[in-house]
Amino acid sequence: MNSEYVVRQLNKQASAEYAEKMQGYFKTGQGQYGHGDVFWGLRMPVLRDAVKQFHTLALEHTLTLLVSKVHELRLFALLLLVKQYQTGPPASKRRIFDSYLAHTTYINNWDLVDCSAHLIVGPQLQSQARDTLYQLARSSLLWERRIAIMATLHFIRAKDYQDTLQLGAVLLNDPHDLIHKAVGWMLREVGNRNKPIEEAFLKTHYKVMPRTMLRYAIEKFPENERQAYLKGRM
């Protein structure tokens, strides 16, 4: 079993109609963040079934898929890496983590980041120094910055909020709304578990936060609190 065989099997389930929809949804037009990306129209259940079928695919073949021009093949490769990371021994986990960071150029859309960063990068750094996250957060590559903040979802679920808050401050003036959304989302996840900690961050920064970031962060607040934040009256 190799990458060519996997490609042939997945291509049998491609849908041109669904691919056209996905190209619009993932902003593949001129000047948009997904410009030039290619879709086959493979639905997520198909990819998840393929992960079960090809879960023993060698890392070298998985990485071949990760550098594919086809979006769903990259997505499949990441789902497979997550599965293999979760079930592999420590040495295998380290290889997958290192390979992931070596291929961030190809983890180049929000769904690719969001299905993988908190399941590979976060767990690997759970008991290690987390300098890597701050290096990623200061990257010129949009997707590395999103990987940095999304990886902290793993820590949030363990009630460890420090890196989310510190990275949120680093990314406060990021120019891209996909980072605004991700930071706001992670702040909301903090607040879902410990609202006073989120509020302490917000009261320091909410007047200078991008509007989208703030809206995402306070989405579940009572309406009177939301309006107070939005109108700068907290």
C-alpha atoms as a PDB file:
ATOM      1  CA  MET A   1       0.000   0.000   0.000  1.00  0.00           C
ATOM      2  CA  ASN A   2       1.401   3.382  -1.001  1.00  0.00           C
ATOM      3  CA  SER A   3       0.296   6.940  -1.665  1.00  0.00           C
ATOM      4  CA  GLU A   4      -0.497   6.273  -5.331  1.00  0.00           C
ATOM      5  CA  TYR A   5      -2.923   3.517  -4.367  1.00  0.00           C
ATOM      6  CA  VAL A   6      -4.626   5.756  -1.808  1.00  0.00           C
ATOM      7  CA  VAL A   7      -4.970   8.535  -4.387  1.00  0.00           C
ATOM      8  CA  ARG A   8      -6.627   6.157  -6.865  1.00  0.00           C
ATOM      9  CA  GLN A   9      -9.089   4.905  -4.262  1.00  0.00           C
ATOM     10  CA  LEU A  10     -10.060   8.378  -3.095  1.00  0.00           C
ATOM     11  CA  ASN A  11     -10.388   9.726  -6.615  1.00  0.00           C
ATOM     12  CA  LYS A  12     -13.119   7.168  -7.279  1.00  0.00           C
ATOM     13  CA  GLN A  13     -15.331   9.045  -4.820  1.00  0.00           C
ATOM     14  CA  ALA A  14     -14.713  12.541  -6.158  1.00  0.00           C
ATOM     15  CA  SER A  15     -17.655  14.821  -6.948  1.00  0.00           C
ATOM     16  CA  ALA A  16     -17.202  17.709  -9.373  1.00  0.00           C
ATOM     17  CA  GLU A  17     -20.417  19.353  -8.140  1.00  0.00           C
ATOM     18  CA  TYR A  18     -19.307  19.270  -4.508  1.00  0.00           C
ATOM     19  CA  ALA A  19     -15.810  20.409  -5.487  1.00  0.00           C
ATOM     20  CA  GLU A  20     -17.254  23.538  -7.075  1.00  0.00           C
ATOM     21  CA  LYS A  21     -19.090  24.375  -3.854  1.00  0.00           C
ATOM     22  CA  MET A  22     -15.968  23.845  -1.775  1.00  0.00           C
ATOM     23  CA  GLN A  23     -13.886  26.108  -4.010  1.00  0.00           C
ATOM     24  CA  GLY A  24     -16.252  28.952  -3.197  1.00  0.00           C
ATOM     25  CA  TYR A  25     -16.487  28.089   0.493  1.00  0.00           C
ATOM     26  CA  PHE A  26     -12.714  27.996   0.958  1.00  0.00           C
ATOM     27  CA  LYS A  27     -12.080  31.275  -0.870  1.00  0.00           C
ATOM     28  CA  THR A  28     -10.036  30.042  -3.825  1.00  0.00           C
ATOM     29  CA  GLY A  29     -10.625  33.095  -6.000  1.00  0.00           C
ATOM     30  CA  GLN A  30      -7.996  35.583  -7.134  1.00  0.00           C
ATOM     31  CA  GLY A  31      -6.619  37.494  -4.150  1.00  0.00           C
ATOM     32  CA  GLN A  32      -8.369  35.298  -1.579  1.00  0.00           C
ATOM     33  CA  TYR A  33      -6.567  33.293   1.109  1.00  0.00           C
ATOM     34  CA  GLY A  34      -7.192  29.969  -0.649  1.00  0.00           C
ATOM     35  CA  HIS A  35      -6.355  31.172  -4.143  1.00  0.00           C
ATOM     36  CA  GLY A  36      -5.424  28.354  -6.483  1.00  0.00           C
ATOM     37  CA  ASP A  37      -6.380  25.485  -4.186  1.00  0.00           C
ATOM     38  CA  VAL A  38      -7.728  22.418  -5.993  1.00  0.00           C
ATOM     39  CA  PHE A  39     -10.692  20.371  -4.765  1.00  0.00           C
ATOM     40  CA  TRP A  40     -11.911  16.942  -5.756  1.00  0.00           C
ATOM     41  CA  GLY A  41     -15.186  17.109  -3.876  1.00  0.00           C
ATOM     42  CA  LEU A  42     -14.493  14.464  -1.221  1.00  0.00           C
ATOM     43  CA  ARG A  43     -16.770  14.684   1.786  1.00  0.00           C
ATOM     44  CA  MET A  44     -15.506  14.329   5.333  1.00  0.00           C
ATOM     45  CA  PRO A  45     -17.167  10.934   5.999  1.00  0.00           C
ATOM     46  CA  VAL A  46     -15.311   9.536   2.978  1.00  0.00           C
ATOM     47  CA  LEU A  47     -12.012  10.831   4.344  1.00  0.00           C
ATOM     48  CA  ARG A  48     -12.659   9.502   7.846  1.00  0.00           C
ATOM     49  CA  ASP A  49     -13.528   6.088   6.450  1.00  0.00           C
ATOM     50  CA  ALA A  50     -10.303   6.190   4.449  1.00  0.00           C
ATOM     51  CA  VAL A  51      -8.330   6.935   7.622  1.00  0.00           C
ATOM     52  CA  LYS A  52      -9.696   3.709   9.108  1.00  0.00           C
ATOM     53  CA  GLN A  53      -8.866   1.813   5.941  1.00  0.00           C
ATOM     54  CA  PHE A  54      -5.342   3.173   5.472  1.00  0.00           C
ATOM     55  CA  HIS A  55      -4.300   3.779   9.078  1.00  0.00           C
ATOM     56  CA  THR A  56      -1.067   1.808   8.593  1.00  0.00           C
ATOM     57  CA  LEU A  57       0.181   3.925   5.684  1.00  0.00           C
ATOM     58  CA  ALA A  58       3.881   4.670   6.143  1.00  0.00           C
ATOM     59  CA  LEU A  59       4.836   8.199   7.162  1.00  0.00           C
ATOM     60  CA  GLU A  60       6.758   8.817   3.920  1.00  0.00           C
ATOM     61  CA  HIS A  61       3.618   8.083   1.896  1.00  0.00           C
ATOM     62  CA  THR A  62       1.421  10.184   4.163  1.00  0.00           C
ATOM     63  CA  LEU A  63       3.782  13.119   3.683  1.00  0.00           C
ATOM     64  CA  THR A  64       3.595  12.621  -0.082  1.00  0.00           C
ATOM     65  CA  LEU A  65      -0.147  13.184   0.214  1.00  0.00           C
ATOM     66  CA  LEU A  66       0.396  16.193   2.472  1.00  0.00           C
ATOM     67  CA  VAL A  67       2.281  18.025  -0.278  1.00  0.00           C
ATOM     68  CA  SER A  68      -0.427  17.314  -2.851  1.00  0.00           C
ATOM     69  CA  LYS A  69      -2.040  20.154  -4.780  1.00  0.00           C
ATOM     70  CA  VAL A  70      -5.445  18.611  -3.901  1.00  0.00           C
ATOM     71  CA  HIS A  71      -6.967  20.035  -0.741  1.00  0.00           C
ATOM     72  CA  GLU A  72      -8.723  16.858   0.356  1.00  0.00           C
ATOM     73  CA  LEU A  73      -5.569  14.792  -0.014  1.00  0.00           C
ATOM     74  CA  ARG A  74      -3.791  17.191   2.324  1.00  0.00           C
ATOM     75  CA  LEU A  75      -6.754  17.010   4.694  1.00  0.00           C
ATOM     76  CA  PHE A  76      -6.718  13.213   4.576  1.00  0.00           C
ATOM     77  CA  ALA A  77      -2.984  13.191   5.294  1.00  0.00           C
ATOM     78  CA  LEU A  78      -3.505  15.369   8.371  1.00  0.00           C
ATOM     79  CA  LEU A  79      -6.384  13.254   9.657  1.00  0.00           C
ATOM     80  CA  LEU A  80      -4.175  10.218   9.206  1.00  0.00           C
ATOM     81  CA  LEU A  81      -1.269  11.874  11.029  1.00  0.00           C
ATOM     82  CA  VAL A  82      -3.598  12.679  13.928  1.00  0.00           C
ATOM     83  CA  LYS A  83      -4.757   9.063  14.089  1.00  0.00           C
ATOM     84  CA  GLN A  84      -1.201   7.739  13.953  1.00  0.00           C
ATOM     85  CA  TYR A  85      -0.021  10.278  16.523  1.00  0.00           C
ATOM     86  CA  GLN A  86      -2.761   9.283  18.953  1.00  0.00           C
ATOM     87  CA  THR A  87      -2.038   5.576  18.661  1.00  0.00           C
ATOM     88  CA  GLY A  88       1.729   5.588  18.192  1.00  0.00           C
ATOM     89  CA  PRO A  89       4.641   5.175  20.618  1.00  0.00           C
ATOM     90  CA  PRO A  90       6.647   8.235  21.804  1.00  0.00           C
ATOM     91  CA  ALA A  91       9.270   7.947  19.056  1.00  0.00           C
ATOM     92  CA  SER A  92       6.553   7.862  16.391  1.00  0.00           C
ATOM     93  CA  LYS A  93       4.780  10.838  17.970  1.00  0.00           C
ATOM     94  CA  ARG A  94       7.990  12.841  17.811  1.00  0.00           C
ATOM     95  CA  ARG A  95       8.536  12.011  14.135  1.00  0.00           C
ATOM     96  CA  ILE A  96       4.986  13.038  13.306  1.00  0.00           C
ATOM     97  CA  PHE A  97       5.326  16.287  15.274  1.00  0.00           C
ATOM     98  CA  ASP A  98       8.610  17.156  13.553  1.00  0.00           C
ATOM     99  CA  SER A  99       7.163  16.279  10.143  1.00  0.00           C
ATOM    100  CA  TYR A 100       4.091  18.403  10.841  1.00  0.00           C
ATOM    101  CA  LEU A 101       6.182  21.476  11.626  1.00  0.00           C
ATOM    102  CA  ALA A 102       8.384  20.834   8.595  1.00  0.00           C
ATOM    103  CA  HIS A 103       5.342  20.922   6.300  1.00  0.00           C
ATOM    104  CA  THR A 104       3.392  23.948   7.546  1.00  0.00           C
ATOM    105  CA  THR A 105       3.513  25.460   4.053  1.00  0.00           C
ATOM    106  CA  TYR A 106       1.039  22.760   3.017  1.00  0.00           C
ATOM    107  CA  ILE A 107      -1.206  23.091   6.092  1.00  0.00           C
ATOM    108  CA  ASN A 108      -2.578  26.108   4.320  1.00  0.00           C
ATOM    109  CA  ASN A 109      -6.234  26.550   5.105  1.00  0.00           C
ATOM    110  CA  TRP A 110      -8.198  26.976   8.300  1.00  0.00           C
ATOM    111  CA  ASP A 111      -9.775  23.511   8.209  1.00  0.00           C
ATOM    112  CA  LEU A 112      -6.373  21.883   7.780  1.00  0.00           C
ATOM    113  CA  VAL A 113      -5.047  23.732  10.827  1.00  0.00           C
ATOM    114  CA  ASP A 114      -8.143  23.259  12.941  1.00  0.00           C
ATOM    115  CA  CYS A 115      -8.357  19.486  12.476  1.00  0.00           C
ATOM    116  CA  SER A 116      -4.769  18.906  13.525  1.00  0.00           C
ATOM    117  CA  ALA A 117      -2.911  21.578  15.514  1.00  0.00           C
ATOM    118  CA  HIS A 118      -4.539  20.863  18.892  1.00  0.00           C
ATOM    119  CA  LEU A 119      -4.204  17.105  18.330  1.00  0.00           C
ATOM    120  CA  ILE A 120      -0.523  16.994  17.358  1.00  0.00           C
ATOM    121  CA  VAL A 121       1.267  20.202  18.333  1.00  0.00           C
ATOM    122  CA  GLY A 122      -0.622  20.747  21.580  1.00  0.00           C
ATOM    123  CA  PRO A 123      -0.140  17.227  22.993  1.00  0.00           C
ATOM    124  CA  GLN A 124       3.526  17.109  21.999  1.00  0.00           C
ATOM    125  CA  LEU A 125       4.213  20.344  23.877  1.00  0.00           C
ATOM    126  CA  GLN A 126       2.094  19.446  26.895  1.00  0.00           C
ATOM    127  CA  SER A 127       5.110  18.624  29.065  1.00  0.00           C
ATOM    128  CA  GLN A 128       7.779  20.505  27.095  1.00  0.00           C
ATOM    129  CA  ALA A 129       8.936  24.073  26.680  1.00  0.00           C
ATOM    130  CA  ARG A 130       6.492  25.872  24.409  1.00  0.00           C
ATOM    131  CA  ASP A 131       8.850  28.298  22.686  1.00  0.00           C
ATOM    132  CA  THR A 132       7.803  26.753  19.361  1.00  0.00           C
ATOM    133  CA  LEU A 133       4.344  28.270  19.722  1.00  0.00           C
ATOM    134  CA  TYR A 134       5.734  31.780  20.110  1.00  0.00           C
ATOM    135  CA  GLN A 135       8.002  31.314  17.112  1.00  0.00           C
ATOM    136  CA  LEU A 136       4.995  30.225  15.077  1.00  0.00           C
ATOM    137  CA  ALA A 137       2.910  33.127  16.379  1.00  0.00           C
ATOM    138  CA  ARG A 138       5.492  35.597  15.060  1.00  0.00           C
ATOM    139  CA  SER A 139       5.756  33.916  11.664  1.00  0.00           C
ATOM    140  CA  SER A 140       5.044  35.775   8.438  1.00  0.00           C
ATOM    141  CA  LEU A 141       3.001  32.736   7.382  1.00  0.00           C
ATOM    142  CA  LEU A 142      -0.661  33.133   8.273  1.00  0.00           C
ATOM    143  CA  TRP A 143      -1.175  29.423   8.803  1.00  0.00           C
ATOM    144  CA  GLU A 144       1.715  29.094  11.257  1.00  0.00           C
ATOM    145  CA  ARG A 145       0.199  31.866  13.347  1.00  0.00           C
ATOM    146  CA  ARG A 146      -3.133  30.044  13.345  1.00  0.00           C
ATOM    147  CA  ILE A 147      -1.405  26.762  14.271  1.00  0.00           C
ATOM    148  CA  ALA A 148       0.119  28.517  17.287  1.00  0.00           C
ATOM    149  CA  ILE A 149      -3.152  29.687  18.791  1.00  0.00           C
ATOM    150  CA  MET A 150      -5.198  26.634  17.770  1.00  0.00           C
ATOM    151  CA  ALA A 151      -2.666  24.279  19.363  1.00  0.00           C
ATOM    152  CA  THR A 152      -3.562  25.779  22.738  1.00  0.00           C
ATOM    153  CA  LEU A 153      -7.020  24.215  22.620  1.00  0.00           C
ATOM    154  CA  HIS A 154      -5.305  21.105  23.964  1.00  0.00           C
ATOM    155  CA  PHE A 155      -4.045  23.088  26.969  1.00  0.00           C
ATOM    156  CA  ILE A 156      -7.396  24.799  27.488  1.00  0.00           C
ATOM    157  CA  ARG A 157      -9.103  21.429  27.784  1.00  0.00           C
ATOM    158  CA  ALA A 158      -6.617  20.631  30.556  1.00  0.00           C
ATOM    159  CA  LYS A 159      -7.510  23.975  32.263  1.00  0.00           C
ATOM    160  CA  ASP A 160      -4.131  25.435  31.382  1.00  0.00           C
ATOM    161  CA  TYR A 161      -4.817  28.906  29.988  1.00  0.00           C
ATOM    162  CA  GLN A 162      -1.545  30.805  30.217  1.00  0.00           C
ATOM    163  CA  ASP A 163      -0.298  30.212  26.677  1.00  0.00           C
ATOM    164  CA  THR A 164      -3.658  31.024  25.131  1.00  0.00           C
ATOM    165  CA  LEU A 165      -3.675  34.379  26.880  1.00  0.00           C
ATOM    166  CA  GLN A 166      -0.053  35.177  26.123  1.00  0.00           C
ATOM    167  CA  LEU A 167      -0.392  34.202  22.472  1.00  0.00           C
ATOM    168  CA  GLY A 168      -3.641  36.154  22.296  1.00  0.00           C
ATOM    169  CA  ALA A 169      -1.701  39.228  23.350  1.00  0.00           C
ATOM    170  CA  VAL A 170       1.034  38.507  20.775  1.00  0.00           C
ATOM    171  CA  LEU A 171      -1.589  38.191  18.024  1.00  0.00           C
ATOM    172  CA  LEU A 172      -3.714  41.122  19.154  1.00  0.00           C
ATOM    173  CA  ASN A 173      -2.667  43.306  16.218  1.00  0.00           C
ATOM    174  CA  ASP A 174      -2.521  40.570  13.590  1.00  0.00           C
ATOM    175  CA  PRO A 175      -3.722  41.867  10.212  1.00  0.00           C
ATOM    176  CA  HIS A 176      -5.783  38.814   9.193  1.00  0.00           C
ATOM    177  CA  ASP A 177      -9.346  38.098  10.249  1.00  0.00           C
ATOM    178  CA  LEU A 178      -8.688  34.341  10.280  1.00  0.00           C
ATOM    179  CA  ILE A 179      -6.364  35.007  13.219  1.00  0.00           C
ATOM    180  CA  HIS A 180      -8.900  37.342  14.833  1.00  0.00           C
ATOM    181  CA  LYS A 181     -11.494  34.582  14.650  1.00  0.00           C
ATOM    182  CA  ALA A 182      -9.134  31.918  16.012  1.00  0.00           C
ATOM    183  CA  VAL A 183      -7.958  34.035  18.948  1.00  0.00           C
ATOM    184  CA  GLY A 184     -11.519  35.050  19.792  1.00  0.00           C
ATOM    185  CA  TRP A 185     -12.626  31.426  19.607  1.00  0.00           C
ATOM    186  CA  MET A 186      -9.853  30.277  21.956  1.00  0.00           C
ATOM    187  CA  LEU A 187     -10.630  33.093  24.405  1.00  0.00           C
ATOM    188  CA  ARG A 188     -14.256  31.951  24.363  1.00  0.00           C
ATOM    189  CA  GLU A 189     -13.106  28.404  25.113  1.00  0.00           C
ATOM    190  CA  VAL A 190     -11.183  29.757  28.102  1.00  0.00           C
ATOM    191  CA  GLY A 191     -14.281  31.612  29.247  1.00  0.00           C
ATOM    192  CA  ASN A 192     -16.423  28.510  28.912  1.00  0.00           C
ATOM    193  CA  ARG A 193     -14.262  26.986  31.646  1.00  0.00           C
ATOM    194  CA  ASN A 194     -13.219  30.019  33.652  1.00  0.00           C
ATOM    195  CA  LYS A 195     -15.022  33.222  32.788  1.00  0.00           C
ATOM    196  CA  PRO A 196     -13.138  35.460  35.271  1.00  0.00           C
ATOM    197  CA  ILE A 197      -9.835  34.599  33.564  1.00  0.00           C
ATOM    198  CA  GLU A 198     -11.227  35.499  30.152  1.00  0.00           C
ATOM    199  CA  GLU A 199     -12.773  38.685  31.520  1.00  0.00           C
ATOM    200  CA  ALA A 200      -9.457  39.767  33.061  1.00  0.00           C
ATOM    201  CA  PHE A 201      -7.860  39.476  29.619  1.00  0.00           C
ATOM    202  CA  LEU A 202     -10.737  41.277  27.932  1.00  0.00           C
ATOM    203  CA  LYS A 203     -10.810  44.195  30.360  1.00  0.00           C
ATOM    204  CA  THR A 204      -7.151  44.814  29.614  1.00  0.00           C
ATOM    205  CA  HIS A 205      -7.430  44.503  25.842  1.00  0.00           C
ATOM    206  CA  TYR A 206     -11.016  44.786  24.626  1.00  0.00           C
ATOM    207  CA  LYS A 207     -10.831  48.428  23.562  1.00  0.00           C
ATOM    208  CA  VAL A 208      -7.986  47.706  21.144  1.00  0.00           C
ATOM    209  CA  MET A 209      -8.962  44.196  20.025  1.00  0.00           C
ATOM    210  CA  PRO A 210     -10.092  43.717  16.435  1.00  0.00           C
ATOM    211  CA  ARG A 211     -13.884  43.769  16.367  1.00  0.00           C
ATOM    212  CA  THR A 212     -14.138  40.226  15.018  1.00  0.00           C
ATOM    213  CA  MET A 213     -11.868  38.891  17.755  1.00  0.00           C
ATOM    214  CA  LEU A 214     -13.955  40.580  20.425  1.00  0.00           C
ATOM    215  CA  ARG A 215     -17.243  39.356  18.977  1.00  0.00           C
ATOM    216  CA  TYR A 216     -16.016  35.772  18.906  1.00  0.00           C
ATOM    217  CA  ALA A 217     -14.665  36.048  22.454  1.00  0.00           C
ATOM    218  CA  ILE A 218     -17.916  37.350  23.974  1.00  0.00           C
ATOM    219  CA  GLU A 219     -20.339  35.371  21.835  1.00  0.00           C
ATOM    220  CA  LYS A 220     -21.803  33.476  24.809  1.00  0.00           C
ATOM    221  CA  PHE A 221     -21.907  36.386  27.260  1.00  0.00           C
ATOM    222  CA  PRO A 222     -25.313  37.729  28.401  1.00  0.00           C
ATOM    223  CA  GLU A 223     -26.584  40.352  25.969  1.00  0.00           C
ATOM    224  CA  ASN A 224     -26.133  43.264  28.371  1.00  0.00           C
ATOM    225  CA  GLU A 225     -22.473  42.321  28.896  1.00  0.00           C
ATOM    226  CA  ARG A 226     -21.916  41.851  25.179  1.00  0.00           C
ATOM    227  CA  GLN A 227     -23.255  45.284  24.437  1.00  0.00           C
ATOM    228  CA  ALA A 228     -21.159  46.848  27.182  1.00  0.00           C
ATOM    229  CA  TYR A 229     -18.010  45.369  25.655  1.00  0.00           C
ATOM    230  CA  LEU A 230     -18.995  46.303  22.120  1.00  0.00           C
ATOM    231  CA  LYS A 231     -19.773  49.889  23.131  1.00  0.00           C
ATOM    232  CA  GLY A 232     -16.624  50.271  25.214  1.00  0.00           C
ATOM    233  CA  ARG A 233     -18.446  50.714  28.496  1.00  0.00           C
ATOM    234  CA  MET A 234     -17.049  47.951  30.677  1.00  0.00           C
END
